[in-house]
Amino acid sequence: MGGPVGAVSFSAQRRTIQKIPQCLEEKLTSLASTLACRVAAMRSRCQVFESGATDTGQRVSAGG
């Protein structure tokens, strides 16, 4: 008796379940891009800092 109703609710659940990963994927993608951007910014800052440190070190050794 409850066969068709169960099938309908199951297909409806299936549709919602299919929508969830897409939404999660989009959120994860945006999160990943944001993190990548931050990591890249941190790396570039570190590189600038390192190059600045080596520059001052060379200057000090050259001047001394």
C-alpha atoms as a PDB file:
ATOM      1  CA  MET A   1       0.000   0.000   0.000  1.00  0.00           C
ATOM      2  CA  GLY A   2       2.733   2.452   0.905  1.00  0.00           C
ATOM      3  CA  GLY A   3       4.951   1.421  -2.020  1.00  0.00           C
ATOM      4  CA  PRO A   4       4.442   4.356  -4.439  1.00  0.00           C
ATOM      5  CA  VAL A   5       4.514   6.930  -1.647  1.00  0.00           C
ATOM      6  CA  GLY A   6       7.779   5.504  -0.384  1.00  0.00           C
ATOM      7  CA  ALA A   7       9.244   5.622  -3.886  1.00  0.00           C
ATOM      8  CA  VAL A   8       8.199   9.262  -4.318  1.00  0.00           C
ATOM      9  CA  SER A   9       9.700  10.331  -0.996  1.00  0.00           C
ATOM     10  CA  PHE A  10      12.845   8.360  -1.814  1.00  0.00           C
ATOM     11  CA  SER A  11      13.268  10.100  -5.173  1.00  0.00           C
ATOM     12  CA  ALA A  12      12.688  13.451  -3.468  1.00  0.00           C
ATOM     13  CA  GLN A  13      15.335  12.607  -0.877  1.00  0.00           C
ATOM     14  CA  ARG A  14      17.636  11.542  -3.663  1.00  0.00           C
ATOM     15  CA  ARG A  15      17.269  14.915  -5.365  1.00  0.00           C
ATOM     16  CA  THR A  16      18.069  16.779  -2.171  1.00  0.00           C
ATOM     17  CA  ILE A  17      21.054  14.529  -1.539  1.00  0.00           C
ATOM     18  CA  GLN A  18      22.320  15.278  -5.034  1.00  0.00           C
ATOM     19  CA  LYS A  19      21.973  19.008  -4.417  1.00  0.00           C
ATOM     20  CA  ILE A  20      23.937  18.921  -1.153  1.00  0.00           C
ATOM     21  CA  PRO A  21      27.312  17.803  -2.602  1.00  0.00           C
ATOM     22  CA  GLN A  22      27.110  20.492  -5.286  1.00  0.00           C
ATOM     23  CA  CYS A  23      26.567  23.179  -2.659  1.00  0.00           C
ATOM     24  CA  LEU A  24      29.329  21.746  -0.490  1.00  0.00           C
ATOM     25  CA  GLU A  25      31.635  21.521  -3.465  1.00  0.00           C
ATOM     26  CA  GLU A  26      31.070  25.188  -4.310  1.00  0.00           C
ATOM     27  CA  LYS A  27      31.708  26.229  -0.717  1.00  0.00           C
ATOM     28  CA  LEU A  28      34.822  24.070  -0.508  1.00  0.00           C
ATOM     29  CA  THR A  29      36.095  25.439  -3.805  1.00  0.00           C
ATOM     30  CA  SER A  30      35.693  29.030  -2.655  1.00  0.00           C
ATOM     31  CA  LEU A  31      37.301  28.135   0.672  1.00  0.00           C
ATOM     32  CA  ALA A  32      40.204  26.454  -1.065  1.00  0.00           C
ATOM     33  CA  SER A  33      40.761  29.421  -3.370  1.00  0.00           C
ATOM     34  CA  THR A  34      40.662  31.791  -0.401  1.00  0.00           C
ATOM     35  CA  LEU A  35      43.153  29.650   1.508  1.00  0.00           C
ATOM     36  CA  ALA A  36      45.403  29.363  -1.537  1.00  0.00           C
ATOM     37  CA  CYS A  37      45.302  33.136  -1.901  1.00  0.00           C
ATOM     38  CA  ARG A  38      46.229  33.633   1.752  1.00  0.00           C
ATOM     39  CA  VAL A  39      48.998  31.052   1.579  1.00  0.00           C
ATOM     40  CA  ALA A  40      50.387  32.706  -1.546  1.00  0.00           C
ATOM     41  CA  ALA A  41      50.277  36.100   0.159  1.00  0.00           C
ATOM     42  CA  MET A  42      52.051  34.718   3.219  1.00  0.00           C
ATOM     43  CA  ARG A  43      54.683  33.071   1.039  1.00  0.00           C
ATOM     44  CA  SER A  44      55.339  36.238  -0.931  1.00  0.00           C
ATOM     45  CA  ARG A  45      55.664  38.175   2.339  1.00  0.00           C
ATOM     46  CA  CYS A  46      58.084  35.572   3.659  1.00  0.00           C
ATOM     47  CA  GLN A  47      60.096  35.737   0.449  1.00  0.00           C
ATOM     48  CA  VAL A  48      60.251  39.517   0.658  1.00  0.00           C
ATOM     49  CA  PHE A  49      61.297  39.268   4.300  1.00  0.00           C
ATOM     50  CA  GLU A  50      63.929  36.628   3.524  1.00  0.00           C
ATOM     51  CA  SER A  51      65.320  38.564   0.581  1.00  0.00           C
ATOM     52  CA  GLY A  52      65.383  41.703   2.728  1.00  0.00           C
ATOM     53  CA  ALA A  53      67.208  39.823   5.474  1.00  0.00           C
ATOM     54  CA  THR A  54      69.785  38.440   3.045  1.00  0.00           C
ATOM     55  CA  ASP A  55      70.188  41.895   1.509  1.00  0.00           C
ATOM     56  CA  THR A  56      70.889  43.493   4.884  1.00  0.00           C
ATOM     57  CA  GLY A  57      73.166  40.582   5.797  1.00  0.00           C
ATOM     58  CA  GLN A  58      75.160  41.052   2.604  1.00  0.00           C
ATOM     59  CA  ARG A  59      75.321  44.770   3.166  1.00  0.00           C
ATOM     60  CA  VAL A  60      76.505  44.292   6.729  1.00  0.00           C
ATOM     61  CA  SER A  61      79.162  41.782   5.710  1.00  0.00           C
ATOM     62  CA  ALA A  62      80.238  43.948   2.786  1.00  0.00           C
ATOM     63  CA  GLY A  63      80.331  47.118   4.877  1.00  0.00           C
ATOM     64  CA  GLY A  64      82.096  45.417   7.812  1.00  0.00           C
END
